[in-house]
Every structure is written in C-alpha cells, then in structure tokens.
PDB file of N, CA and C in Angstrom:
ATOM      1  N   MET A   1    -108.197  54.667 183.297  1.00  0.00           N
ATOM      2  CA  MET A   1    -107.197  55.451 183.961  1.00  0.00           C
ATOM      3  C   MET A   1    -107.130  54.983 185.410  1.00  0.00           C
ATOM      4  N   ALA A   2    -105.957  54.689 185.871  1.00  0.00           N
ATOM      5  CA  ALA A   2    -105.785  54.260 187.256  1.00  0.00           C
ATOM      6  C   ALA A   2    -105.724  55.464 188.190  1.00  0.00           C
ATOM      7  N   PHE A   3    -104.937  56.443 187.819  1.00  0.00           N
ATOM      8  CA  PHE A   3    -104.802  57.660 188.624  1.00  0.00           C
ATOM      9  C   PHE A   3    -104.834  58.869 187.702  1.00  0.00           C
ATOM     10  N   GLY A   4    -105.542  59.920 188.130  1.00  0.00           N
ATOM     11  CA  GLY A   4    -105.636  61.147 187.356  1.00  0.00           C
ATOM     12  C   GLY A   4    -104.709  62.214 187.901  1.00  0.00           C
ATOM     13  N   PRO A   5    -104.710  63.368 187.271  1.00  0.00           N
ATOM     14  CA  PRO A   5    -103.750  64.406 187.642  1.00  0.00           C
ATOM     15  C   PRO A   5    -104.017  65.069 188.994  1.00  0.00           C
ATOM     16  N   GLY A   6    -105.258  65.169 189.424  1.00  0.00           N
ATOM     17  CA  GLY A   6    -105.554  65.782 190.711  1.00  0.00           C
ATOM     18  C   GLY A   6    -105.430  67.293 190.697  1.00  0.00           C
ATOM     19  N   PRO A   7    -105.571  67.911 191.866  1.00  0.00           N
ATOM     20  CA  PRO A   7    -105.544  69.371 191.953  1.00  0.00           C
ATOM     21  C   PRO A   7    -104.197  69.985 191.571  1.00  0.00           C
ATOM     22  N   ARG A   8    -103.113  69.306 191.921  1.00  0.00           N
ATOM     23  CA  ARG A   8    -101.797  69.862 191.574  1.00  0.00           C
ATOM     24  C   ARG A   8    -101.579  69.868 190.071  1.00  0.00           C
ATOM     25  N   GLY A   9    -102.181  68.925 189.366  1.00  0.00           N
ATOM     26  CA  GLY A   9    -102.096  68.917 187.909  1.00  0.00           C
ATOM     27  C   GLY A   9    -102.815  70.117 187.313  1.00  0.00           C
ATOM     28  N   ALA A  10    -103.988  70.424 187.858  1.00  0.00           N
ATOM     29  CA  ALA A  10    -104.730  71.597 187.386  1.00  0.00           C
ATOM     30  C   ALA A  10    -103.960  72.883 187.699  1.00  0.00           C
ATOM     31  N   GLN A  11    -103.334  72.933 188.862  1.00  0.00           N
ATOM     32  CA  GLN A  11    -102.540  74.113 189.219  1.00  0.00           C
ATOM     33  C   GLN A  11    -101.360  74.287 188.267  1.00  0.00           C
ATOM     34  N   SER A  12    -100.717  73.190 187.894  1.00  0.00           N
ATOM     35  CA  SER A  12     -99.574  73.306 186.984  1.00  0.00           C
ATOM     36  C   SER A  12    -100.015  73.760 185.595  1.00  0.00           C
ATOM     37  N   VAL A  13    -101.186  73.298 185.149  1.00  0.00           N
ATOM     38  CA  VAL A  13    -101.692  73.734 183.834  1.00  0.00           C
ATOM     39  C   VAL A  13    -101.962  75.238 183.850  1.00  0.00           C
ATOM     40  N   ILE A  14    -102.626  75.721 184.891  1.00  0.00           N
ATOM     41  CA  ILE A  14    -102.941  77.156 184.977  1.00  0.00           C
ATOM     42  C   ILE A  14    -101.670  77.988 185.061  1.00  0.00           C
ATOM     43  N   LEU A  15    -100.721  77.550 185.886  1.00  0.00           N
ATOM     44  CA  LEU A  15     -99.477  78.307 186.033  1.00  0.00           C
ATOM     45  C   LEU A  15     -98.703  78.365 184.724  1.00  0.00           C
ATOM     46  N   MET A  16     -98.594  77.240 184.028  1.00  0.00           N
ATOM     47  CA  MET A  16     -97.869  77.241 182.763  1.00  0.00           C
ATOM     48  C   MET A  16     -98.617  78.010 181.678  1.00  0.00           C
ATOM     49  N   ALA A  17     -99.948  78.021 181.725  1.00  0.00           N
ATOM     50  CA  ALA A  17    -100.718  78.819 180.768  1.00  0.00           C
ATOM     51  C   ALA A  17    -100.478  80.310 181.018  1.00  0.00           C
ATOM     52  N   LYS A  18    -100.356  80.692 182.293  1.00  0.00           N
ATOM     53  CA  LYS A  18    -100.034  82.090 182.608  1.00  0.00           C
ATOM     54  C   LYS A  18     -98.660  82.462 182.064  1.00  0.00           C
ATOM     55  N   VAL A  19     -97.707  81.551 182.194  1.00  0.00           N
ATOM     56  CA  VAL A  19     -96.363  81.794 181.659  1.00  0.00           C
ATOM     57  C   VAL A  19     -96.416  81.930 180.145  1.00  0.00           C
ATOM     58  N   ALA A  20     -97.185  81.069 179.489  1.00  0.00           N
ATOM     59  CA  ALA A  20     -97.313  81.137 178.026  1.00  0.00           C
ATOM     60  C   ALA A  20     -97.909  82.471 177.595  1.00  0.00           C
ATOM     61  N   ALA A  21     -98.885  82.968 178.342  1.00  0.00           N
ATOM     62  CA  ALA A  21     -99.479  84.276 178.018  1.00  0.00           C
ATOM     63  C   ALA A  21     -98.460  85.389 178.227  1.00  0.00           C
ATOM     64  N   LEU A  22     -97.701  85.316 179.308  1.00  0.00           N
ATOM     65  CA  LEU A  22     -96.689  86.353 179.560  1.00  0.00           C
ATOM     66  C   LEU A  22     -95.595  86.340 178.504  1.00  0.00           C
ATOM     67  N   VAL A  23     -95.223  85.160 178.036  1.00  0.00           N
ATOM     68  CA  VAL A  23     -94.221  85.072 176.971  1.00  0.00           C
ATOM     69  C   VAL A  23     -94.728  85.750 175.705  1.00  0.00           C
ATOM     70  N   ASP A  24     -96.041  85.656 175.459  1.00  0.00           N
ATOM     71  CA  ASP A  24     -96.653  86.324 174.303  1.00  0.00           C
ATOM     72  C   ASP A  24     -96.997  87.781 174.589  1.00  0.00           C
ATOM     73  N   LYS A  25     -96.532  88.297 175.743  1.00  0.00           N
ATOM     74  CA  LYS A  25     -96.739  89.694 176.153  1.00  0.00           C
ATOM     75  C   LYS A  25     -98.212  90.030 176.348  1.00  0.00           C
ATOM     76  N   ARG A  26     -98.939  89.088 176.981  1.00  0.00           N
ATOM     77  CA  ARG A  26    -100.335  89.313 177.333  1.00  0.00           C
ATOM     78  C   ARG A  26    -100.498  89.080 178.822  1.00  0.00           C
ATOM     79  N   ILE A  27    -101.473  89.760 179.428  1.00  0.00           N
ATOM     80  CA  ILE A  27    -101.696  89.582 180.860  1.00  0.00           C
ATOM     81  C   ILE A  27    -102.902  88.696 181.152  1.00  0.00           C
ATOM     82  N   ASN A  28    -103.605  88.286 180.133  1.00  0.00           N
ATOM     83  CA  ASN A  28    -104.767  87.413 180.341  1.00  0.00           C
ATOM     84  C   ASN A  28    -104.573  86.097 179.608  1.00  0.00           C
ATOM     85  N   LEU A  29    -105.160  85.051 180.175  1.00  0.00           N
ATOM     86  CA  LEU A  29    -105.074  83.722 179.571  1.00  0.00           C
ATOM     87  C   LEU A  29    -106.078  83.578 178.447  1.00  0.00           C
ATOM     88  N   SER A  30    -105.740  82.737 177.511  1.00  0.00           N
ATOM     89  CA  SER A  30    -106.707  82.335 176.501  1.00  0.00           C
ATOM     90  C   SER A  30    -106.819  80.811 176.543  1.00  0.00           C
ATOM     91  N   PHE A  31    -107.866  80.298 175.954  1.00  0.00           N
ATOM     92  CA  PHE A  31    -108.036  78.851 175.919  1.00  0.00           C
ATOM     93  C   PHE A  31    -106.904  78.202 175.138  1.00  0.00           C
ATOM     94  N   ASP A  32    -106.366  78.917 174.149  1.00  0.00           N
ATOM     95  CA  ASP A  32    -105.242  78.390 173.374  1.00  0.00           C
ATOM     96  C   ASP A  32    -104.006  78.192 174.241  1.00  0.00           C
ATOM     97  N   ASP A  33    -103.798  79.077 175.222  1.00  0.00           N
ATOM     98  CA  ASP A  33    -102.674  78.906 176.144  1.00  0.00           C
ATOM     99  C   ASP A  33    -102.810  77.602 176.923  1.00  0.00           C
ATOM    100  N   ILE A  34    -104.006  77.319 177.359  1.00  0.00           N
ATOM    101  CA  ILE A  34    -104.237  76.098 178.133  1.00  0.00           C
ATOM    102  C   ILE A  34    -104.033  74.870 177.260  1.00  0.00           C
ATOM    103  N   THR A  35    -104.571  74.873 176.052  1.00  0.00           N
ATOM    104  CA  THR A  35    -104.407  73.710 175.176  1.00  0.00           C
ATOM    105  C   THR A  35    -102.948  73.522 174.763  1.00  0.00           C
ATOM    106  N   LYS A  36    -102.198  74.605 174.729  1.00  0.00           N
ATOM    107  CA  LYS A  36    -100.785  74.517 174.366  1.00  0.00           C
ATOM    108  C   LYS A  36     -99.968  73.809 175.452  1.00  0.00           C
ATOM    109  N   VAL A  37    -100.309  74.021 176.713  1.00  0.00           N
ATOM    110  CA  VAL A  37     -99.481  73.500 177.807  1.00  0.00           C
ATOM    111  C   VAL A  37    -100.054  72.266 178.493  1.00  0.00           C
ATOM    112  N   ILE A  38    -101.284  71.885 178.170  1.00  0.00           N
ATOM    113  CA  ILE A  38    -101.915  70.804 178.924  1.00  0.00           C
ATOM    114  C   ILE A  38    -101.204  69.459 178.730  1.00  0.00           C
ATOM    115  N   THR A  39    -100.741  69.162 177.537  1.00  0.00           N
ATOM    116  CA  THR A  39    -100.093  67.871 177.304  1.00  0.00           C
ATOM    117  C   THR A  39     -98.790  67.733 178.091  1.00  0.00           C
ATOM    118  N   PRO A  40     -97.860  68.691 177.997  1.00  0.00           N
ATOM    119  CA  PRO A  40     -96.635  68.518 178.789  1.00  0.00           C
ATOM    120  C   PRO A  40     -96.871  68.569 180.298  1.00  0.00           C
ATOM    121  N   CYS A  41     -97.876  69.291 180.736  1.00  0.00           N
ATOM    122  CA  CYS A  41     -98.140  69.392 182.176  1.00  0.00           C
ATOM    123  C   CYS A  41     -98.765  68.128 182.744  1.00  0.00           C
ATOM    124  N   LEU A  42     -99.596  67.458 181.978  1.00  0.00           N
ATOM    125  CA  LEU A  42    -100.339  66.315 182.515  1.00  0.00           C
ATOM    126  C   LEU A  42     -99.798  64.955 182.090  1.00  0.00           C
ATOM    127  N   ARG A  43     -98.908  64.933 181.128  1.00  0.00           N
ATOM    128  CA  ARG A  43     -98.437  63.664 180.574  1.00  0.00           C
ATOM    129  C   ARG A  43     -97.902  62.729 181.659  1.00  0.00           C
ATOM    130  N   HIS A  44     -97.117  63.230 182.563  1.00  0.00           N
ATOM    131  CA  HIS A  44     -96.516  62.370 183.587  1.00  0.00           C
ATOM    132  C   HIS A  44     -97.411  62.202 184.817  1.00  0.00           C
ATOM    133  N   ARG A  45     -98.546  62.888 184.873  1.00  0.00           N
ATOM    134  CA  ARG A  45     -99.425  62.806 186.034  1.00  0.00           C
ATOM    135  C   ARG A  45    -100.567  61.807 185.855  1.00  0.00           C
ATOM    136  N   ILE A  46    -100.735  61.291 184.645  1.00  0.00           N
ATOM    137  CA  ILE A  46    -101.802  60.321 184.375  1.00  0.00           C
ATOM    138  C   ILE A  46    -101.189  58.924 184.334  1.00  0.00           C
ATOM    139  N   ILE A  47    -101.738  58.021 185.125  1.00  0.00           N
ATOM    140  CA  ILE A  47    -101.269  56.637 185.158  1.00  0.00           C
ATOM    141  C   ILE A  47    -102.410  55.757 184.636  1.00  0.00           C
ATOM    142  N   LEU A  48    -102.124  55.028 183.596  1.00  0.00           N
ATOM    143  CA  LEU A  48    -103.137  54.202 182.957  1.00  0.00           C
ATOM    144  C   LEU A  48    -103.228  52.834 183.629  1.00  0.00           C
ATOM    145  N   ASN A  49    -104.433  52.264 183.590  1.00  0.00           N
ATOM    146  CA  ASN A  49    -104.609  50.919 184.121  1.00  0.00           C
ATOM    147  C   ASN A  49    -104.245  49.889 183.049  1.00  0.00           C
ATOM    148  N   PHE A  50    -104.273  48.618 183.438  1.00  0.00           N
ATOM    149  CA  PHE A  50    -103.864  47.565 182.519  1.00  0.00           C
ATOM    150  C   PHE A  50    -104.753  47.492 181.289  1.00  0.00           C
ATOM    151  N   LYS A  51    -106.043  47.687 181.462  1.00  0.00           N
ATOM    152  CA  LYS A  51    -106.974  47.605 180.327  1.00  0.00           C
ATOM    153  C   LYS A  51    -106.648  48.652 179.270  1.00  0.00           C
ATOM    154  N   ALA A  52    -106.345  49.870 179.705  1.00  0.00           N
ATOM    155  CA  ALA A  52    -105.986  50.929 178.758  1.00  0.00           C
ATOM    156  C   ALA A  52    -104.669  50.600 178.058  1.00  0.00           C
ATOM    157  N   LEU A  53    -103.693  50.122 178.815  1.00  0.00           N
ATOM    158  CA  LEU A  53    -102.408  49.767 178.215  1.00  0.00           C
ATOM    159  C   LEU A  53    -102.561  48.615 177.226  1.00  0.00           C
ATOM    160  N   ALA A  54    -103.395  47.630 177.552  1.00  0.00           N
ATOM    161  CA  ALA A  54    -103.618  46.490 176.665  1.00  0.00           C
ATOM    162  C   ALA A  54    -104.301  46.910 175.373  1.00  0.00           C
ATOM    163  N   ASN A  55    -105.120  47.952 175.435  1.00  0.00           N
ATOM    164  CA  ASN A  55    -105.807  48.454 174.231  1.00  0.00           C
ATOM    165  C   ASN A  55    -104.973  49.466 173.461  1.00  0.00           C
ATOM    166  N   GLY A  56    -103.747  49.728 173.908  1.00  0.00           N
ATOM    167  CA  GLY A  56    -102.856  50.630 173.185  1.00  0.00           C
ATOM    168  C   GLY A  56    -103.133  52.104 173.411  1.00  0.00           C
ATOM    169  N   ILE A  57    -103.860  52.423 174.460  1.00  0.00           N
ATOM    170  CA  ILE A  57    -104.157  53.822 174.771  1.00  0.00           C
ATOM    171  C   ILE A  57    -102.957  54.428 175.483  1.00  0.00           C
ATOM    172  N   THR A  58    -102.582  55.629 175.095  1.00  0.00           N
ATOM    173  CA  THR A  58    -101.476  56.326 175.741  1.00  0.00           C
ATOM    174  C   THR A  58    -102.015  57.518 176.526  1.00  0.00           C
ATOM    175  N   THR A  59    -101.161  58.093 177.343  1.00  0.00           N
ATOM    176  CA  THR A  59    -101.582  59.272 178.093  1.00  0.00           C
ATOM    177  C   THR A  59    -101.883  60.430 177.147  1.00  0.00           C
ATOM    178  N   ASP A  60    -101.150  60.502 176.042  1.00  0.00           N
ATOM    179  CA  ASP A  60    -101.427  61.563 175.066  1.00  0.00           C
ATOM    180  C   ASP A  60    -102.818  61.390 174.453  1.00  0.00           C
ATOM    181  N   ASN A  61    -103.251  60.137 174.227  1.00  0.00           N
ATOM    182  CA  ASN A  61    -104.613  59.890 173.737  1.00  0.00           C
ATOM    183  C   ASN A  61    -105.644  60.391 174.738  1.00  0.00           C
ATOM    184  N   MET A  62    -105.402  60.131 176.018  1.00  0.00           N
ATOM    185  CA  MET A  62    -106.325  60.568 177.064  1.00  0.00           C
ATOM    186  C   MET A  62    -106.411  62.094 177.103  1.00  0.00           C
ATOM    187  N   ILE A  63    -105.273  62.749 176.992  1.00  0.00           N
ATOM    188  CA  ILE A  63    -105.257  64.212 177.035  1.00  0.00           C
ATOM    189  C   ILE A  63    -105.961  64.790 175.818  1.00  0.00           C
ATOM    190  N   GLU A  64    -105.801  64.170 174.658  1.00  0.00           N
ATOM    191  CA  GLU A  64    -106.507  64.630 173.454  1.00  0.00           C
ATOM    192  C   GLU A  64    -108.009  64.516 173.635  1.00  0.00           C
ATOM    193  N   GLU A  65    -108.470  63.461 174.293  1.00  0.00           N
ATOM    194  CA  GLU A  65    -109.907  63.327 174.581  1.00  0.00           C
ATOM    195  C   GLU A  65    -110.371  64.418 175.526  1.00  0.00           C
ATOM    196  N   ILE A  66    -109.554  64.780 176.482  1.00  0.00           N
ATOM    197  CA  ILE A  66    -109.894  65.875 177.400  1.00  0.00           C
ATOM    198  C   ILE A  66    -110.004  67.186 176.625  1.00  0.00           C
ATOM    199  N   LYS A  67    -109.086  67.413 175.700  1.00  0.00           N
ATOM    200  CA  LYS A  67    -109.124  68.639 174.889  1.00  0.00           C
ATOM    201  C   LYS A  67    -110.395  68.715 174.041  1.00  0.00           C
ATOM    202  N   LYS A  68    -110.840  67.574 173.512  1.00  0.00           N
ATOM    203  CA  LYS A  68    -112.045  67.552 172.683  1.00  0.00           C
ATOM    204  C   LYS A  68    -113.308  67.832 173.494  1.00  0.00           C
ATOM    205  N   ALA A  69    -113.276  67.553 174.796  1.00  0.00           N
ATOM    206  CA  ALA A  69    -114.468  67.654 175.627  1.00  0.00           C
ATOM    207  C   ALA A  69    -114.787  69.073 176.080  1.00  0.00           C
ATOM    208  N   ARG A  70    -114.107  70.050 175.584  1.00  0.00           N
ATOM    209  CA  ARG A  70    -114.358  71.405 176.047  1.00  0.00           C
ATOM    210  C   ARG A  70    -115.741  71.790 175.730  1.00  0.00           C
TER     211      ARG A  70
END
C-alpha cells in the first residue's frame, strides 16, 4: 500500500456507520454497521503501490483483509 486512509478515513467510516444505525432506527453502532460501510468509505482512500498492482491486488482485497483482522 502506498498511501492509507488516515484519520479522515476513520472519521468517515464512523460517521457512515452512525447513519447506517440511524437508518435501522437504532441509536448505537454495531460492528455490522462498520463492516457494512467500510468498503465504500475506504475504497477511494487507499492507493496501492506498484508491487500490489502487479500482483493483482485491489483496494477491495485490502479492505477484506482489514475486515478479517478484527
């Protein structure tokens, strides 16, 4: 990975997870809310290096690895 999402990426994930909880008429977040919104929130914030691109790794692959690491 050449560049990661940074603090603003984490803020966008939390904010969108809060929105997802409110849409479901809940006032508290669940881990499922975060996993639901993490891919669209971080997809454009991760920039891969040449080695990752040459090996066929996509940003979605990277995000899936992040989800598995919980």
